[in-house]
């Protein structure tokens, strides 16, 4: 999964809890400092893992509850 060439306005698909959950289409609102922002959600640009400091989610070695892929 290559996310590095995504740009502002591109759509991605967010999977909450894995591929079995309902996919959610999101639009990229900002890309900065290795992070992809889709409205209130933040994802790691290299892995697609959701980053949430409150939940302690992030790319490995942290755990995450959702991730994005190209739409």
PDB file of N, CA and C in Angstrom:
ATOM      1  N   UNK A   1       0.855  -1.176   0.000  1.00  0.00           N
ATOM      2  CA  UNK A   1       0.000   0.000   0.000  1.00  0.00           C
ATOM      3  C   UNK A   1       0.896   1.232   0.000  1.00  0.00           C
ATOM      4  N   UNK A   2       0.872   1.986  -1.065  1.00  0.00           N
ATOM      5  CA  UNK A   2       1.653   3.213  -1.139  1.00  0.00           C
ATOM      6  C   UNK A   2       0.724   4.404  -0.966  1.00  0.00           C
ATOM      7  N   UNK A   3       0.932   5.158   0.095  1.00  0.00           N
ATOM      8  CA  UNK A   3       0.090   6.317   0.366  1.00  0.00           C
ATOM      9  C   UNK A   3       0.843   7.621   0.138  1.00  0.00           C
ATOM     10  N   UNK A   4       2.151   7.551  -0.060  1.00  0.00           N
ATOM     11  CA  UNK A   4       2.989   8.733  -0.131  1.00  0.00           C
ATOM     12  C   UNK A   4       2.667   9.691  -1.258  1.00  0.00           C
ATOM     13  N   UNK A   5       2.038   9.218  -2.338  1.00  0.00           N
ATOM     14  CA  UNK A   5       1.746  10.123  -3.444  1.00  0.00           C
ATOM     15  C   UNK A   5       0.301  10.621  -3.435  1.00  0.00           C
ATOM     16  N   UNK A   6      -0.425  10.364  -2.343  1.00  0.00           N
ATOM     17  CA  UNK A   6      -1.774  10.927  -2.218  1.00  0.00           C
ATOM     18  C   UNK A   6      -1.666  12.436  -2.062  1.00  0.00           C
ATOM     19  N   UNK A   7      -2.723  13.132  -2.441  1.00  0.00           N
ATOM     20  CA  UNK A   7      -2.693  14.596  -2.348  1.00  0.00           C
ATOM     21  C   UNK A   7      -3.997  15.111  -1.754  1.00  0.00           C
ATOM     22  N   UNK A   8      -3.978  16.349  -1.383  1.00  0.00           N
ATOM     23  CA  UNK A   8      -5.132  17.026  -0.817  1.00  0.00           C
ATOM     24  C   UNK A   8      -6.344  16.833  -1.730  1.00  0.00           C
ATOM     25  N   UNK A   9      -7.473  16.441  -1.157  1.00  0.00           N
ATOM     26  CA  UNK A   9      -8.691  16.234  -1.926  1.00  0.00           C
ATOM     27  C   UNK A   9      -8.913  14.810  -2.398  1.00  0.00           C
ATOM     28  N   UNK A  10      -7.866  13.963  -2.350  1.00  0.00           N
ATOM     29  CA  UNK A  10      -8.033  12.559  -2.733  1.00  0.00           C
ATOM     30  C   UNK A  10      -8.910  11.850  -1.715  1.00  0.00           C
ATOM     31  N   UNK A  11      -9.613  10.814  -2.172  1.00  0.00           N
ATOM     32  CA  UNK A  11     -10.411   9.984  -1.280  1.00  0.00           C
ATOM     33  C   UNK A  11      -9.620   8.750  -0.873  1.00  0.00           C
ATOM     34  N   UNK A  12      -9.861   8.298   0.363  1.00  0.00           N
ATOM     35  CA  UNK A  12      -9.296   7.063   0.886  1.00  0.00           C
ATOM     36  C   UNK A  12     -10.442   6.288   1.533  1.00  0.00           C
ATOM     37  N   UNK A  13     -10.195   5.024   1.824  1.00  0.00           N
ATOM     38  CA  UNK A  13     -11.171   4.200   2.526  1.00  0.00           C
ATOM     39  C   UNK A  13     -10.607   3.876   3.907  1.00  0.00           C
ATOM     40  N   UNK A  14     -11.395   4.160   4.934  1.00  0.00           N
ATOM     41  CA  UNK A  14     -11.012   3.850   6.320  1.00  0.00           C
ATOM     42  C   UNK A  14     -11.707   2.554   6.727  1.00  0.00           C
ATOM     43  N   UNK A  15     -10.922   1.634   7.268  1.00  0.00           N
ATOM     44  CA  UNK A  15     -11.435   0.374   7.786  1.00  0.00           C
ATOM     45  C   UNK A  15     -11.289   0.391   9.302  1.00  0.00           C
ATOM     46  N   UNK A  16     -12.391   0.355  10.018  1.00  0.00           N
ATOM     47  CA  UNK A  16     -12.401   0.356  11.476  1.00  0.00           C
ATOM     48  C   UNK A  16     -12.498  -1.079  11.958  1.00  0.00           C
ATOM     49  N   UNK A  17     -11.476  -1.531  12.680  1.00  0.00           N
ATOM     50  CA  UNK A  17     -11.487  -2.901  13.200  1.00  0.00           C
ATOM     51  C   UNK A  17     -11.177  -3.958  12.161  1.00  0.00           C
ATOM     52  N   UNK A  18     -10.611  -3.592  11.045  1.00  0.00           N
ATOM     53  CA  UNK A  18     -10.251  -4.557  10.015  1.00  0.00           C
ATOM     54  C   UNK A  18     -11.196  -4.515   8.828  1.00  0.00           C
ATOM     55  N   UNK A  19     -10.989  -5.426   7.896  1.00  0.00           N
ATOM     56  CA  UNK A  19     -11.764  -5.449   6.654  1.00  0.00           C
ATOM     57  C   UNK A  19     -13.208  -5.894   6.839  1.00  0.00           C
ATOM     58  N   UNK A  20     -13.542  -6.490   7.998  1.00  0.00           N
ATOM     59  CA  UNK A  20     -14.901  -6.967   8.229  1.00  0.00           C
ATOM     60  C   UNK A  20     -15.873  -5.843   8.567  1.00  0.00           C
ATOM     61  N   UNK A  21     -15.349  -4.710   9.048  1.00  0.00           N
ATOM     62  CA  UNK A  21     -16.218  -3.587   9.390  1.00  0.00           C
ATOM     63  C   UNK A  21     -16.692  -2.854   8.148  1.00  0.00           C
ATOM     64  N   UNK A  22     -17.598  -1.917   8.350  1.00  0.00           N
ATOM     65  CA  UNK A  22     -18.112  -1.130   7.228  1.00  0.00           C
ATOM     66  C   UNK A  22     -17.060  -0.119   6.785  1.00  0.00           C
ATOM     67  N   UNK A  23     -16.661  -0.150   5.518  1.00  0.00           N
ATOM     68  CA  UNK A  23     -15.678   0.820   5.038  1.00  0.00           C
ATOM     69  C   UNK A  23     -16.278   2.223   5.018  1.00  0.00           C
ATOM     70  N   UNK A  24     -15.436   3.203   5.279  1.00  0.00           N
ATOM     71  CA  UNK A  24     -15.869   4.601   5.332  1.00  0.00           C
ATOM     72  C   UNK A  24     -15.013   5.415   4.365  1.00  0.00           C
ATOM     73  N   UNK A  25     -15.646   6.076   3.411  1.00  0.00           N
ATOM     74  CA  UNK A  25     -14.907   6.910   2.455  1.00  0.00           C
ATOM     75  C   UNK A  25     -14.618   8.260   3.115  1.00  0.00           C
ATOM     76  N   UNK A  26     -13.339   8.654   3.098  1.00  0.00           N
ATOM     77  CA  UNK A  26     -12.900   9.926   3.662  1.00  0.00           C
ATOM     78  C   UNK A  26     -12.140  10.710   2.599  1.00  0.00           C
ATOM     79  N   UNK A  27     -12.136  12.028   2.750  1.00  0.00           N
ATOM     80  CA  UNK A  27     -11.386  12.900   1.851  1.00  0.00           C
ATOM     81  C   UNK A  27     -10.213  13.501   2.616  1.00  0.00           C
ATOM     82  N   UNK A  28      -9.059  13.515   1.984  1.00  0.00           N
ATOM     83  CA  UNK A  28      -7.865  14.070   2.613  1.00  0.00           C
ATOM     84  C   UNK A  28      -7.997  15.592   2.692  1.00  0.00           C
ATOM     85  N   UNK A  29      -7.868  16.111   3.906  1.00  0.00           N
ATOM     86  CA  UNK A  29      -7.996  17.551   4.133  1.00  0.00           C
ATOM     87  C   UNK A  29      -6.660  18.227   4.376  1.00  0.00           C
ATOM     88  N   UNK A  30      -5.629  17.448   4.732  1.00  0.00           N
ATOM     89  CA  UNK A  30      -4.293  18.011   4.959  1.00  0.00           C
ATOM     90  C   UNK A  30      -3.284  16.877   4.984  1.00  0.00           C
ATOM     91  N   UNK A  31      -2.080  17.160   4.525  1.00  0.00           N
ATOM     92  CA  UNK A  31      -0.947  16.242   4.626  1.00  0.00           C
ATOM     93  C   UNK A  31       0.215  17.050   5.162  1.00  0.00           C
ATOM     94  N   UNK A  32       0.755  16.630   6.316  1.00  0.00           N
ATOM     95  CA  UNK A  32       1.815  17.414   6.944  1.00  0.00           C
ATOM     96  C   UNK A  32       2.623  16.544   7.899  1.00  0.00           C
ATOM     97  N   UNK A  33       3.933  16.680   7.848  1.00  0.00           N
ATOM     98  CA  UNK A  33       4.845  16.021   8.788  1.00  0.00           C
ATOM     99  C   UNK A  33       4.626  14.511   8.886  1.00  0.00           C
ATOM    100  N   UNK A  34       4.422  13.855   7.745  1.00  0.00           N
ATOM    101  CA  UNK A  34       4.267  12.412   7.731  1.00  0.00           C
ATOM    102  C   UNK A  34       2.893  11.916   8.144  1.00  0.00           C
ATOM    103  N   UNK A  35       1.931  12.840   8.248  1.00  0.00           N
ATOM    104  CA  UNK A  35       0.582  12.472   8.652  1.00  0.00           C
ATOM    105  C   UNK A  35      -0.424  12.870   7.584  1.00  0.00           C
ATOM    106  N   UNK A  36      -1.460  12.070   7.453  1.00  0.00           N
ATOM    107  CA  UNK A  36      -2.571  12.350   6.547  1.00  0.00           C
ATOM    108  C   UNK A  36      -3.782  12.666   7.408  1.00  0.00           C
ATOM    109  N   UNK A  37      -4.385  13.815   7.177  1.00  0.00           N
ATOM    110  CA  UNK A  37      -5.563  14.240   7.934  1.00  0.00           C
ATOM    111  C   UNK A  37      -6.793  14.114   7.046  1.00  0.00           C
ATOM    112  N   UNK A  38      -7.822  13.515   7.607  1.00  0.00           N
ATOM    113  CA  UNK A  38      -9.116  13.375   6.938  1.00  0.00           C
ATOM    114  C   UNK A  38     -10.160  13.887   7.920  1.00  0.00           C
ATOM    115  N   UNK A  39     -10.421  15.190   7.880  1.00  0.00           N
ATOM    116  CA  UNK A  39     -11.311  15.779   8.871  1.00  0.00           C
ATOM    117  C   UNK A  39     -10.733  15.556  10.257  1.00  0.00           C
ATOM    118  N   UNK A  40     -11.506  14.948  11.180  1.00  0.00           N
ATOM    119  CA  UNK A  40     -11.020  14.760  12.545  1.00  0.00           C
ATOM    120  C   UNK A  40     -10.080  13.571  12.732  1.00  0.00           C
ATOM    121  N   UNK A  41      -9.863  12.762  11.690  1.00  0.00           N
ATOM    122  CA  UNK A  41      -9.026  11.577  11.809  1.00  0.00           C
ATOM    123  C   UNK A  41      -7.635  11.841  11.252  1.00  0.00           C
ATOM    124  N   UNK A  42      -6.643  11.205  11.875  1.00  0.00           N
ATOM    125  CA  UNK A  42      -5.243  11.355  11.478  1.00  0.00           C
ATOM    126  C   UNK A  42      -4.648   9.971  11.255  1.00  0.00           C
ATOM    127  N   UNK A  43      -3.861   9.845  10.177  1.00  0.00           N
ATOM    128  CA  UNK A  43      -3.279   8.556   9.805  1.00  0.00           C
ATOM    129  C   UNK A  43      -1.804   8.731   9.471  1.00  0.00           C
ATOM    130  N   UNK A  44      -1.028   7.694   9.749  1.00  0.00           N
ATOM    131  CA  UNK A  44       0.385   7.672   9.413  1.00  0.00           C
ATOM    132  C   UNK A  44       0.538   7.533   7.901  1.00  0.00           C
ATOM    133  N   UNK A  45       1.349   8.397   7.312  1.00  0.00           N
ATOM    134  CA  UNK A  45       1.491   8.414   5.856  1.00  0.00           C
ATOM    135  C   UNK A  45       2.170   7.156   5.311  1.00  0.00           C
ATOM    136  N   UNK A  46       3.051   6.540   6.069  1.00  0.00           N
ATOM    137  CA  UNK A  46       3.773   5.386   5.540  1.00  0.00           C
ATOM    138  C   UNK A  46       3.042   4.061   5.745  1.00  0.00           C
ATOM    139  N   UNK A  47       2.205   3.943   6.797  1.00  0.00           N
ATOM    140  CA  UNK A  47       1.535   2.664   7.065  1.00  0.00           C
ATOM    141  C   UNK A  47       0.022   2.726   6.898  1.00  0.00           C
ATOM    142  N   UNK A  48      -0.559   3.916   6.965  1.00  0.00           N
ATOM    143  CA  UNK A  48      -2.012   4.057   6.910  1.00  0.00           C
ATOM    144  C   UNK A  48      -2.687   3.871   8.253  1.00  0.00           C
ATOM    145  N   UNK A  49      -1.918   3.567   9.304  1.00  0.00           N
ATOM    146  CA  UNK A  49      -2.485   3.345  10.635  1.00  0.00           C
ATOM    147  C   UNK A  49      -3.043   4.643  11.207  1.00  0.00           C
ATOM    148  N   UNK A  50      -4.205   4.544  11.863  1.00  0.00           N
ATOM    149  CA  UNK A  50      -4.766   5.724  12.518  1.00  0.00           C
ATOM    150  C   UNK A  50      -3.881   6.117  13.695  1.00  0.00           C
ATOM    151  N   UNK A  51      -3.671   7.413  13.832  1.00  0.00           N
ATOM    152  CA  UNK A  51      -2.882   7.958  14.927  1.00  0.00           C
ATOM    153  C   UNK A  51      -3.839   8.688  15.860  1.00  0.00           C
ATOM    154  N   UNK A  52      -3.862   8.261  17.122  1.00  0.00           N
ATOM    155  CA  UNK A  52      -4.715   8.888  18.125  1.00  0.00           C
ATOM    156  C   UNK A  52      -3.967   8.834  19.453  1.00  0.00           C
ATOM    157  N   UNK A  53      -3.455   9.977  19.884  1.00  0.00           N
ATOM    158  CA  UNK A  53      -2.656  10.014  21.107  1.00  0.00           C
ATOM    159  C   UNK A  53      -3.474   9.614  22.324  1.00  0.00           C
ATOM    160  N   UNK A  54      -4.741  10.001  22.388  1.00  0.00           N
ATOM    161  CA  UNK A  54      -5.597   9.673  23.528  1.00  0.00           C
ATOM    162  C   UNK A  54      -5.765   8.156  23.676  1.00  0.00           C
ATOM    163  N   UNK A  55      -5.977   7.473  22.559  1.00  0.00           N
ATOM    164  CA  UNK A  55      -6.146   6.022  22.574  1.00  0.00           C
ATOM    165  C   UNK A  55      -4.815   5.277  22.490  1.00  0.00           C
ATOM    166  N   UNK A  56      -3.721   6.031  22.324  1.00  0.00           N
ATOM    167  CA  UNK A  56      -2.374   5.479  22.153  1.00  0.00           C
ATOM    168  C   UNK A  56      -2.292   4.591  20.912  1.00  0.00           C
ATOM    169  N   UNK A  57      -2.974   5.035  19.849  1.00  0.00           N
ATOM    170  CA  UNK A  57      -2.926   4.346  18.573  1.00  0.00           C
ATOM    171  C   UNK A  57      -1.859   4.974  17.699  1.00  0.00           C
ATOM    172  N   UNK A  58      -1.273   4.163  16.843  1.00  0.00           N
ATOM    173  CA  UNK A  58      -0.293   4.662  15.893  1.00  0.00           C
ATOM    174  C   UNK A  58       0.320   3.515  15.122  1.00  0.00           C
ATOM    175  N   UNK A  59       1.316   3.828  14.307  1.00  0.00           N
ATOM    176  CA  UNK A  59       1.988   2.783  13.546  1.00  0.00           C
ATOM    177  C   UNK A  59       2.822   1.917  14.491  1.00  0.00           C
ATOM    178  N   UNK A  60       3.257   0.737  14.034  1.00  0.00           N
ATOM    179  CA  UNK A  60       4.096  -0.119  14.879  1.00  0.00           C
ATOM    180  C   UNK A  60       5.285   0.665  15.438  1.00  0.00           C
ATOM    181  N   UNK A  61       5.579   0.435  16.708  1.00  0.00           N
ATOM    182  CA  UNK A  61       5.174  -0.683  17.553  1.00  0.00           C
ATOM    183  C   UNK A  61       3.839  -0.479  18.279  1.00  0.00           C
ATOM    184  N   UNK A  62       3.142   0.623  18.065  1.00  0.00           N
ATOM    185  CA  UNK A  62       1.843   0.839  18.690  1.00  0.00           C
ATOM    186  C   UNK A  62       0.765   0.007  17.994  1.00  0.00           C
ATOM    187  N   UNK A  63      -0.371  -0.115  18.624  1.00  0.00           N
ATOM    188  CA  UNK A  63      -1.541  -0.771  18.030  1.00  0.00           C
ATOM    189  C   UNK A  63      -2.437   0.308  17.425  1.00  0.00           C
ATOM    190  N   UNK A  64      -3.323  -0.073  16.543  1.00  0.00           N
ATOM    191  CA  UNK A  64      -4.280   0.871  15.993  1.00  0.00           C
ATOM    192  C   UNK A  64      -5.624   0.177  15.793  1.00  0.00           C
ATOM    193  N   UNK A  65      -6.684   0.967  15.771  1.00  0.00           N
ATOM    194  CA  UNK A  65      -8.020   0.407  15.593  1.00  0.00           C
ATOM    195  C   UNK A  65      -8.573   0.593  14.210  1.00  0.00           C
ATOM    196  N   UNK A  66      -7.899   1.428  13.402  1.00  0.00           N
ATOM    197  CA  UNK A  66      -8.350   1.611  12.027  1.00  0.00           C
ATOM    198  C   UNK A  66      -7.168   1.960  11.146  1.00  0.00           C
ATOM    199  N   UNK A  67      -7.382   1.846   9.851  1.00  0.00           N
ATOM    200  CA  UNK A  67      -6.344   2.184   8.880  1.00  0.00           C
ATOM    201  C   UNK A  67      -7.005   2.626   7.590  1.00  0.00           C
ATOM    202  N   UNK A  68      -6.233   3.272   6.747  1.00  0.00           N
ATOM    203  CA  UNK A  68      -6.750   3.710   5.453  1.00  0.00           C
ATOM    204  C   UNK A  68      -5.997   3.024   4.317  1.00  0.00           C
ATOM    205  N   UNK A  69      -6.692   2.938   3.199  1.00  0.00           N
ATOM    206  CA  UNK A  69      -6.126   2.493   1.927  1.00  0.00           C
ATOM    207  C   UNK A  69      -6.642   3.403   0.834  1.00  0.00           C
ATOM    208  N   UNK A  70      -6.000   3.335  -0.304  1.00  0.00           N
ATOM    209  CA  UNK A  70      -6.468   4.129  -1.461  1.00  0.00           C
ATOM    210  C   UNK A  70      -7.899   3.754  -1.798  1.00  0.00           C
ATOM    211  N   UNK A  71      -8.669   4.744  -2.220  1.00  0.00           N
ATOM    212  CA  UNK A  71     -10.064   4.484  -2.616  1.00  0.00           C
ATOM    213  C   UNK A  71     -10.088   3.856  -3.996  1.00  0.00           C
TER     214      UNK A  71
END
